[in-house]
Amino acid sequence: MLTLYEIVSTGLFLTGRRPGDTIRPKGRGVSKKLSALFKEAGYTRARRDTCLILRDENGPLLVCGLAIDERAAPEIGDEAVRVSFEAM
């Protein structure tokens, strides 16, 4: 069993969306471009522009409120870090 610190390449940081971003949402079995994921969820352009992305140097790990990448998703019994975001 791998822990998050073994999966995350170097450090974690928050950004907005970037051109070409992709994520492999847990349970979907396929990689999706963030643009397609936002469209499926009905996000407006304004919401897409303010959506936070938790990432490492290999790409998105979490799209806040929308999806978690398979490589960062904990399984039952795993130790996990809970990350919360609050609108200001």
PDB file of N, CA and C in Angstrom:
ATOM      1  N   MET A   1       0.849  -1.173   0.000  1.00  0.00           N
ATOM      2  CA  MET A   1       0.000   0.000   0.000  1.00  0.00           C
ATOM      3  C   MET A   1       0.898   1.239   0.000  1.00  0.00           C
ATOM      4  N   LEU A   2       0.654   2.144  -0.924  1.00  0.00           N
ATOM      5  CA  LEU A   2       1.415   3.390  -1.011  1.00  0.00           C
ATOM      6  C   LEU A   2       0.724   4.479  -0.207  1.00  0.00           C
ATOM      7  N   THR A   3       1.495   5.353   0.362  1.00  0.00           N
ATOM      8  CA  THR A   3       0.934   6.505   1.053  1.00  0.00           C
ATOM      9  C   THR A   3       1.053   7.723   0.145  1.00  0.00           C
ATOM     10  N   LEU A   4       0.321   8.770   0.473  1.00  0.00           N
ATOM     11  CA  LEU A   4       0.306   9.962  -0.371  1.00  0.00           C
ATOM     12  C   LEU A   4       1.705  10.519  -0.580  1.00  0.00           C
ATOM     13  N   TYR A   5       2.543  10.523   0.464  1.00  0.00           N
ATOM     14  CA  TYR A   5       3.879  11.087   0.290  1.00  0.00           C
ATOM     15  C   TYR A   5       4.735  10.269  -0.663  1.00  0.00           C
ATOM     16  N   GLU A   6       4.382   9.004  -0.904  1.00  0.00           N
ATOM     17  CA  GLU A   6       5.103   8.191  -1.882  1.00  0.00           C
ATOM     18  C   GLU A   6       4.600   8.447  -3.303  1.00  0.00           C
ATOM     19  N   ILE A   7       3.384   8.925  -3.412  1.00  0.00           N
ATOM     20  CA  ILE A   7       2.763   9.153  -4.717  1.00  0.00           C
ATOM     21  C   ILE A   7       3.030  10.563  -5.229  1.00  0.00           C
ATOM     22  N   VAL A   8       2.937  11.544  -4.334  1.00  0.00           N
ATOM     23  CA  VAL A   8       3.143  12.941  -4.709  1.00  0.00           C
ATOM     24  C   VAL A   8       4.622  13.146  -4.998  1.00  0.00           C
ATOM     25  N   SER A   9       4.908  13.764  -6.139  1.00  0.00           N
ATOM     26  CA  SER A   9       6.288  13.852  -6.608  1.00  0.00           C
ATOM     27  C   SER A   9       7.191  14.721  -5.739  1.00  0.00           C
ATOM     28  N   THR A  10       6.824  15.937  -5.441  1.00  0.00           N
ATOM     29  CA  THR A  10       7.700  16.782  -4.618  1.00  0.00           C
ATOM     30  C   THR A  10       6.882  17.547  -3.594  1.00  0.00           C
ATOM     31  N   GLY A  11       6.117  18.485  -4.014  1.00  0.00           N
ATOM     32  CA  GLY A  11       5.320  19.283  -3.096  1.00  0.00           C
ATOM     33  C   GLY A  11       3.925  19.482  -3.667  1.00  0.00           C
ATOM     34  N   LEU A  12       3.050  19.960  -2.836  1.00  0.00           N
ATOM     35  CA  LEU A  12       1.685  20.265  -3.253  1.00  0.00           C
ATOM     36  C   LEU A  12       1.531  21.770  -3.377  1.00  0.00           C
ATOM     37  N   PHE A  13       0.750  22.195  -4.361  1.00  0.00           N
ATOM     38  CA  PHE A  13       0.459  23.617  -4.496  1.00  0.00           C
ATOM     39  C   PHE A  13      -0.888  23.800  -5.156  1.00  0.00           C
ATOM     40  N   LEU A  14      -1.491  24.963  -4.939  1.00  0.00           N
ATOM     41  CA  LEU A  14      -2.791  25.314  -5.512  1.00  0.00           C
ATOM     42  C   LEU A  14      -2.604  26.247  -6.684  1.00  0.00           C
ATOM     43  N   THR A  15      -3.362  25.991  -7.736  1.00  0.00           N
ATOM     44  CA  THR A  15      -3.350  26.873  -8.892  1.00  0.00           C
ATOM     45  C   THR A  15      -4.769  26.950  -9.447  1.00  0.00           C
ATOM     46  N   GLY A  16      -4.916  27.760 -10.452  1.00  0.00           N
ATOM     47  CA  GLY A  16      -6.118  27.732 -11.257  1.00  0.00           C
ATOM     48  C   GLY A  16      -5.907  26.695 -12.359  1.00  0.00           C
ATOM     49  N   ARG A  17      -6.864  26.617 -13.252  1.00  0.00           N
ATOM     50  CA  ARG A  17      -6.738  25.666 -14.355  1.00  0.00           C
ATOM     51  C   ARG A  17      -5.634  26.118 -15.309  1.00  0.00           C
ATOM     52  N   ARG A  18      -5.070  25.153 -15.996  1.00  0.00           N
ATOM     53  CA  ARG A  18      -4.019  25.424 -16.978  1.00  0.00           C
ATOM     54  C   ARG A  18      -4.380  24.730 -18.279  1.00  0.00           C
ATOM     55  N   PRO A  19      -3.997  25.309 -19.400  1.00  0.00           N
ATOM     56  CA  PRO A  19      -4.299  24.681 -20.682  1.00  0.00           C
ATOM     57  C   PRO A  19      -3.742  23.256 -20.733  1.00  0.00           C
ATOM     58  N   GLY A  20      -4.566  22.322 -21.180  1.00  0.00           N
ATOM     59  CA  GLY A  20      -4.136  20.934 -21.342  1.00  0.00           C
ATOM     60  C   GLY A  20      -4.200  20.089 -20.091  1.00  0.00           C
ATOM     61  N   ASP A  21      -4.645  20.650 -18.953  1.00  0.00           N
ATOM     62  CA  ASP A  21      -4.757  19.873 -17.726  1.00  0.00           C
ATOM     63  C   ASP A  21      -5.651  18.660 -17.926  1.00  0.00           C
ATOM     64  N   THR A  22      -5.199  17.519 -17.404  1.00  0.00           N
ATOM     65  CA  THR A  22      -6.024  16.311 -17.409  1.00  0.00           C
ATOM     66  C   THR A  22      -6.002  15.690 -16.019  1.00  0.00           C
ATOM     67  N   ILE A  23      -7.018  14.909 -15.730  1.00  0.00           N
ATOM     68  CA  ILE A  23      -7.132  14.205 -14.461  1.00  0.00           C
ATOM     69  C   ILE A  23      -7.773  12.853 -14.744  1.00  0.00           C
ATOM     70  N   ARG A  24      -7.436  11.879 -13.925  1.00  0.00           N
ATOM     71  CA  ARG A  24      -8.058  10.560 -14.030  1.00  0.00           C
ATOM     72  C   ARG A  24      -8.961  10.407 -12.805  1.00  0.00           C
ATOM     73  N   PRO A  25     -10.228  10.871 -12.926  1.00  0.00           N
ATOM     74  CA  PRO A  25     -11.119  10.885 -11.766  1.00  0.00           C
ATOM     75  C   PRO A  25     -11.339   9.479 -11.208  1.00  0.00           C
ATOM     76  N   LYS A  26     -11.251   9.372  -9.892  1.00  0.00           N
ATOM     77  CA  LYS A  26     -11.454   8.084  -9.233  1.00  0.00           C
ATOM     78  C   LYS A  26     -12.800   7.494  -9.640  1.00  0.00           C
ATOM     79  N   GLY A  27     -12.765   6.220 -10.012  1.00  0.00           N
ATOM     80  CA  GLY A  27     -13.984   5.505 -10.352  1.00  0.00           C
ATOM     81  C   GLY A  27     -14.444   5.642 -11.791  1.00  0.00           C
ATOM     82  N   ARG A  28     -13.800   6.498 -12.573  1.00  0.00           N
ATOM     83  CA  ARG A  28     -14.240   6.694 -13.961  1.00  0.00           C
ATOM     84  C   ARG A  28     -13.475   5.807 -14.938  1.00  0.00           C
ATOM     85  N   GLY A  29     -12.240   5.427 -14.589  1.00  0.00           N
ATOM     86  CA  GLY A  29     -11.467   4.538 -15.445  1.00  0.00           C
ATOM     87  C   GLY A  29     -10.891   5.161 -16.700  1.00  0.00           C
ATOM     88  N   VAL A  30     -11.011   6.460 -16.847  1.00  0.00           N
ATOM     89  CA  VAL A  30     -10.473   7.159 -18.020  1.00  0.00           C
ATOM     90  C   VAL A  30      -9.900   8.503 -17.591  1.00  0.00           C
ATOM     91  N   SER A  31      -8.970   9.009 -18.365  1.00  0.00           N
ATOM     92  CA  SER A  31      -8.468  10.368 -18.147  1.00  0.00           C
ATOM     93  C   SER A  31      -9.406  11.346 -18.829  1.00  0.00           C
ATOM     94  N   LYS A  32      -9.585  12.498 -18.211  1.00  0.00           N
ATOM     95  CA  LYS A  32     -10.453  13.543 -18.765  1.00  0.00           C
ATOM     96  C   LYS A  32      -9.709  14.862 -18.749  1.00  0.00           C
ATOM     97  N   LYS A  33      -9.898  15.635 -19.789  1.00  0.00           N
ATOM     98  CA  LYS A  33      -9.411  17.009 -19.776  1.00  0.00           C
ATOM     99  C   LYS A  33     -10.282  17.772 -18.779  1.00  0.00           C
ATOM    100  N   LEU A  34      -9.651  18.692 -18.057  1.00  0.00           N
ATOM    101  CA  LEU A  34     -10.434  19.475 -17.107  1.00  0.00           C
ATOM    102  C   LEU A  34     -11.530  20.257 -17.811  1.00  0.00           C
ATOM    103  N   SER A  35     -11.250  20.718 -19.022  1.00  0.00           N
ATOM    104  CA  SER A  35     -12.273  21.470 -19.760  1.00  0.00           C
ATOM    105  C   SER A  35     -13.523  20.615 -19.970  1.00  0.00           C
ATOM    106  N   ALA A  36     -13.349  19.334 -20.275  1.00  0.00           N
ATOM    107  CA  ALA A  36     -14.497  18.435 -20.468  1.00  0.00           C
ATOM    108  C   ALA A  36     -15.197  18.156 -19.144  1.00  0.00           C
ATOM    109  N   LEU A  37     -14.423  18.006 -18.084  1.00  0.00           N
ATOM    110  CA  LEU A  37     -14.997  17.756 -16.765  1.00  0.00           C
ATOM    111  C   LEU A  37     -15.837  18.953 -16.308  1.00  0.00           C
ATOM    112  N   PHE A  38     -15.315  20.158 -16.517  1.00  0.00           N
ATOM    113  CA  PHE A  38     -16.061  21.362 -16.168  1.00  0.00           C
ATOM    114  C   PHE A  38     -17.350  21.460 -16.992  1.00  0.00           C
ATOM    115  N   LYS A  39     -17.263  21.137 -18.259  1.00  0.00           N
ATOM    116  CA  LYS A  39     -18.444  21.204 -19.128  1.00  0.00           C
ATOM    117  C   LYS A  39     -19.494  20.202 -18.665  1.00  0.00           C
ATOM    118  N   GLU A  40     -19.070  18.970 -18.363  1.00  0.00           N
ATOM    119  CA  GLU A  40     -20.005  17.947 -17.870  1.00  0.00           C
ATOM    120  C   GLU A  40     -20.712  18.394 -16.600  1.00  0.00           C
ATOM    121  N   ALA A  41     -19.994  19.097 -15.740  1.00  0.00           N
ATOM    122  CA  ALA A  41     -20.548  19.545 -14.461  1.00  0.00           C
ATOM    123  C   ALA A  41     -21.378  20.822 -14.594  1.00  0.00           C
ATOM    124  N   GLY A  42     -21.378  21.418 -15.788  1.00  0.00           N
ATOM    125  CA  GLY A  42     -22.157  22.630 -16.021  1.00  0.00           C
ATOM    126  C   GLY A  42     -21.544  23.884 -15.425  1.00  0.00           C
ATOM    127  N   TYR A  43     -20.224  23.876 -15.226  1.00  0.00           N
ATOM    128  CA  TYR A  43     -19.540  25.042 -14.675  1.00  0.00           C
ATOM    129  C   TYR A  43     -19.541  26.180 -15.686  1.00  0.00           C
ATOM    130  N   THR A  44     -19.848  27.375 -15.220  1.00  0.00           N
ATOM    131  CA  THR A  44     -19.760  28.567 -16.062  1.00  0.00           C
ATOM    132  C   THR A  44     -18.284  28.938 -16.216  1.00  0.00           C
ATOM    133  N   ARG A  45     -17.994  29.804 -17.161  1.00  0.00           N
ATOM    134  CA  ARG A  45     -16.618  30.262 -17.358  1.00  0.00           C
ATOM    135  C   ARG A  45     -16.089  30.923 -16.077  1.00  0.00           C
ATOM    136  N   ALA A  46     -16.926  31.718 -15.422  1.00  0.00           N
ATOM    137  CA  ALA A  46     -16.500  32.394 -14.187  1.00  0.00           C
ATOM    138  C   ALA A  46     -16.147  31.365 -13.105  1.00  0.00           C
ATOM    139  N   ARG A  47     -16.942  30.324 -12.984  1.00  0.00           N
ATOM    140  CA  ARG A  47     -16.659  29.301 -11.972  1.00  0.00           C
ATOM    141  C   ARG A  47     -15.391  28.525 -12.327  1.00  0.00           C
ATOM    142  N   ARG A  48     -15.201  28.238 -13.610  1.00  0.00           N
ATOM    143  CA  ARG A  48     -13.984  27.550 -14.045  1.00  0.00           C
ATOM    144  C   ARG A  48     -12.749  28.384 -13.715  1.00  0.00           C
ATOM    145  N   ASP A  49     -12.866  29.688 -13.897  1.00  0.00           N
ATOM    146  CA  ASP A  49     -11.733  30.589 -13.661  1.00  0.00           C
ATOM    147  C   ASP A  49     -11.370  30.717 -12.185  1.00  0.00           C
ATOM    148  N   THR A  50     -12.296  30.414 -11.286  1.00  0.00           N
ATOM    149  CA  THR A  50     -12.029  30.535  -9.856  1.00  0.00           C
ATOM    150  C   THR A  50     -11.869  29.189  -9.155  1.00  0.00           C
ATOM    151  N   CYS A  51     -12.010  28.102  -9.880  1.00  0.00           N
ATOM    152  CA  CYS A  51     -11.887  26.767  -9.306  1.00  0.00           C
ATOM    153  C   CYS A  51     -10.417  26.480  -8.963  1.00  0.00           C
ATOM    154  N   LEU A  52     -10.166  26.033  -7.739  1.00  0.00           N
ATOM    155  CA  LEU A  52      -8.803  25.721  -7.317  1.00  0.00           C
ATOM    156  C   LEU A  52      -8.439  24.279  -7.678  1.00  0.00           C
ATOM    157  N   ILE A  53      -7.192  24.109  -8.080  1.00  0.00           N
ATOM    158  CA  ILE A  53      -6.663  22.797  -8.446  1.00  0.00           C
ATOM    159  C   ILE A  53      -5.483  22.510  -7.516  1.00  0.00           C
ATOM    160  N   LEU A  54      -5.559  21.417  -6.764  1.00  0.00           N
ATOM    161  CA  LEU A  54      -4.436  20.961  -5.949  1.00  0.00           C
ATOM    162  C   LEU A  54      -3.604  20.053  -6.834  1.00  0.00           C
ATOM    163  N   ARG A  55      -2.305  20.350  -6.933  1.00  0.00           N
ATOM    164  CA  ARG A  55      -1.470  19.601  -7.858  1.00  0.00           C
ATOM    165  C   ARG A  55      -0.080  19.386  -7.303  1.00  0.00           C
ATOM    166  N   ASP A  56       0.634  18.483  -7.979  1.00  0.00           N
ATOM    167  CA  ASP A  56       2.073  18.338  -7.771  1.00  0.00           C
ATOM    168  C   ASP A  56       2.706  18.557  -9.135  1.00  0.00           C
ATOM    169  N   GLU A  57       3.995  18.313  -9.257  1.00  0.00           N
ATOM    170  CA  GLU A  57       4.650  18.602 -10.542  1.00  0.00           C
ATOM    171  C   GLU A  57       4.179  17.688 -11.671  1.00  0.00           C
ATOM    172  N   ASN A  58       3.501  16.587 -11.353  1.00  0.00           N
ATOM    173  CA  ASN A  58       2.984  15.683 -12.382  1.00  0.00           C
ATOM    174  C   ASN A  58       1.580  16.035 -12.842  1.00  0.00           C
ATOM    175  N   GLY A  59       0.941  17.013 -12.198  1.00  0.00           N
ATOM    176  CA  GLY A  59      -0.368  17.437 -12.644  1.00  0.00           C
ATOM    177  C   GLY A  59      -1.398  17.483 -11.540  1.00  0.00           C
ATOM    178  N   PRO A  60      -2.660  17.696 -11.917  1.00  0.00           N
ATOM    179  CA  PRO A  60      -3.740  17.823 -10.941  1.00  0.00           C
ATOM    180  C   PRO A  60      -3.948  16.555 -10.115  1.00  0.00           C
ATOM    181  N   LEU A  61      -4.162  16.766  -8.815  1.00  0.00           N
ATOM    182  CA  LEU A  61      -4.516  15.686  -7.898  1.00  0.00           C
ATOM    183  C   LEU A  61      -5.970  15.810  -7.466  1.00  0.00           C
ATOM    184  N   LEU A  62      -6.465  17.056  -7.407  1.00  0.00           N
ATOM    185  CA  LEU A  62      -7.803  17.313  -6.919  1.00  0.00           C
ATOM    186  C   LEU A  62      -8.347  18.573  -7.566  1.00  0.00           C
ATOM    187  N   VAL A  63      -9.539  18.483  -8.094  1.00  0.00           N
ATOM    188  CA  VAL A  63     -10.261  19.658  -8.570  1.00  0.00           C
ATOM    189  C   VAL A  63     -11.299  19.924  -7.488  1.00  0.00           C
ATOM    190  N   CYS A  64     -11.105  21.000  -6.747  1.00  0.00           N
ATOM    191  CA  CYS A  64     -11.913  21.265  -5.561  1.00  0.00           C
ATOM    192  C   CYS A  64     -13.408  21.190  -5.861  1.00  0.00           C
ATOM    193  N   GLY A  65     -14.083  20.341  -5.105  1.00  0.00           N
ATOM    194  CA  GLY A  65     -15.521  20.177  -5.241  1.00  0.00           C
ATOM    195  C   GLY A  65     -15.971  19.358  -6.427  1.00  0.00           C
ATOM    196  N   LEU A  66     -15.028  18.805  -7.202  1.00  0.00           N
ATOM    197  CA  LEU A  66     -15.431  18.122  -8.429  1.00  0.00           C
ATOM    198  C   LEU A  66     -14.854  16.720  -8.588  1.00  0.00           C
ATOM    199  N   ALA A  67     -13.551  16.557  -8.424  1.00  0.00           N
ATOM    200  CA  ALA A  67     -12.949  15.241  -8.677  1.00  0.00           C
ATOM    201  C   ALA A  67     -11.605  15.105  -7.979  1.00  0.00           C
ATOM    202  N   ILE A  68     -11.265  13.857  -7.640  1.00  0.00           N
ATOM    203  CA  ILE A  68      -9.947  13.534  -7.119  1.00  0.00           C
ATOM    204  C   ILE A  68      -9.300  12.540  -8.079  1.00  0.00           C
ATOM    205  N   ASP A  69      -8.021  12.730  -8.343  1.00  0.00           N
ATOM    206  CA  ASP A  69      -7.296  11.847  -9.247  1.00  0.00           C
ATOM    207  C   ASP A  69      -7.086  10.485  -8.583  1.00  0.00           C
ATOM    208  N   GLU A  70      -7.134   9.415  -9.369  1.00  0.00           N
ATOM    209  CA  GLU A  70      -6.961   8.065  -8.841  1.00  0.00           C
ATOM    210  C   GLU A  70      -5.675   7.915  -8.041  1.00  0.00           C
ATOM    211  N   ARG A  71      -4.612   8.606  -8.450  1.00  0.00           N
ATOM    212  CA  ARG A  71      -3.341   8.420  -7.755  1.00  0.00           C
ATOM    213  C   ARG A  71      -3.318   9.053  -6.375  1.00  0.00           C
ATOM    214  N   ALA A  72      -4.274   9.923  -6.071  1.00  0.00           N
ATOM    215  CA  ALA A  72      -4.321  10.571  -4.760  1.00  0.00           C
ATOM    216  C   ALA A  72      -5.506  10.128  -3.915  1.00  0.00           C
ATOM    217  N   ALA A  73      -6.386   9.309  -4.469  1.00  0.00           N
ATOM    218  CA  ALA A  73      -7.595   8.893  -3.758  1.00  0.00           C
ATOM    219  C   ALA A  73      -7.282   7.804  -2.736  1.00  0.00           C
ATOM    220  N   PRO A  74      -7.621   8.035  -1.456  1.00  0.00           N
ATOM    221  CA  PRO A  74      -7.358   7.020  -0.451  1.00  0.00           C
ATOM    222  C   PRO A  74      -8.326   5.846  -0.574  1.00  0.00           C
ATOM    223  N   GLU A  75      -7.864   4.693  -0.153  1.00  0.00           N
ATOM    224  CA  GLU A  75      -8.700   3.500  -0.081  1.00  0.00           C
ATOM    225  C   GLU A  75      -9.080   3.287   1.378  1.00  0.00           C
ATOM    226  N   ILE A  76     -10.048   2.440   1.630  1.00  0.00           N
ATOM    227  CA  ILE A  76     -10.457   2.131   2.993  1.00  0.00           C
ATOM    228  C   ILE A  76      -9.249   1.607   3.764  1.00  0.00           C
ATOM    229  N   GLY A  77      -9.027   2.177   4.924  1.00  0.00           N
ATOM    230  CA  GLY A  77      -7.910   1.771   5.767  1.00  0.00           C
ATOM    231  C   GLY A  77      -6.641   2.584   5.563  1.00  0.00           C
ATOM    232  N   ASP A  78      -6.578   3.379   4.495  1.00  0.00           N
ATOM    233  CA  ASP A  78      -5.417   4.237   4.256  1.00  0.00           C
ATOM    234  C   ASP A  78      -5.431   5.416   5.215  1.00  0.00           C
ATOM    235  N   GLU A  79      -4.244   5.865   5.576  1.00  0.00           N
ATOM    236  CA  GLU A  79      -4.145   7.133   6.275  1.00  0.00           C
ATOM    237  C   GLU A  79      -4.310   8.212   5.216  1.00  0.00           C
ATOM    238  N   ALA A  80      -4.990   9.278   5.571  1.00  0.00           N
ATOM    239  CA  ALA A  80      -5.264  10.311   4.573  1.00  0.00           C
ATOM    240  C   ALA A  80      -5.155  11.691   5.195  1.00  0.00           C
ATOM    241  N   VAL A  81      -4.951  12.656   4.349  1.00  0.00           N
ATOM    242  CA  VAL A  81      -4.953  14.061   4.745  1.00  0.00           C
ATOM    243  C   VAL A  81      -6.246  14.662   4.231  1.00  0.00           C
ATOM    244  N   ARG A  82      -6.949  15.346   5.092  1.00  0.00           N
ATOM    245  CA  ARG A  82      -8.187  16.009   4.686  1.00  0.00           C
ATOM    246  C   ARG A  82      -7.859  17.454   4.358  1.00  0.00           C
ATOM    247  N   VAL A  83      -8.248  17.900   3.187  1.00  0.00           N
ATOM    248  CA  VAL A  83      -7.995  19.268   2.756  1.00  0.00           C
ATOM    249  C   VAL A  83      -9.358  19.947   2.602  1.00  0.00           C
ATOM    250  N   SER A  84      -9.523  21.075   3.258  1.00  0.00           N
ATOM    251  CA  SER A  84     -10.776  21.821   3.193  1.00  0.00           C
ATOM    252  C   SER A  84     -10.514  23.211   2.638  1.00  0.00           C
ATOM    253  N   PHE A  85     -11.469  23.714   1.886  1.00  0.00           N
ATOM    254  CA  PHE A  85     -11.373  25.050   1.309  1.00  0.00           C
ATOM    255  C   PHE A  85     -12.639  25.802   1.681  1.00  0.00           C
ATOM    256  N   GLU A  86     -12.466  27.069   1.968  1.00  0.00           N
ATOM    257  CA  GLU A  86     -13.590  27.899   2.344  1.00  0.00           C
ATOM    258  C   GLU A  86     -13.572  29.171   1.499  1.00  0.00           C
ATOM    259  N   ALA A  87     -14.713  29.466   0.892  1.00  0.00           N
ATOM    260  CA  ALA A  87     -14.818  30.696   0.094  1.00  0.00           C
ATOM    261  C   ALA A  87     -14.735  31.902   1.008  1.00  0.00           C
ATOM    262  N   MET A  88     -14.052  32.934   0.527  1.00  0.00           N
ATOM    263  CA  MET A  88     -13.917  34.144   1.338  1.00  0.00           C
ATOM    264  C   MET A  88     -14.583  35.294   0.647  1.00  0.00           C
TER     265      MET A  88
END
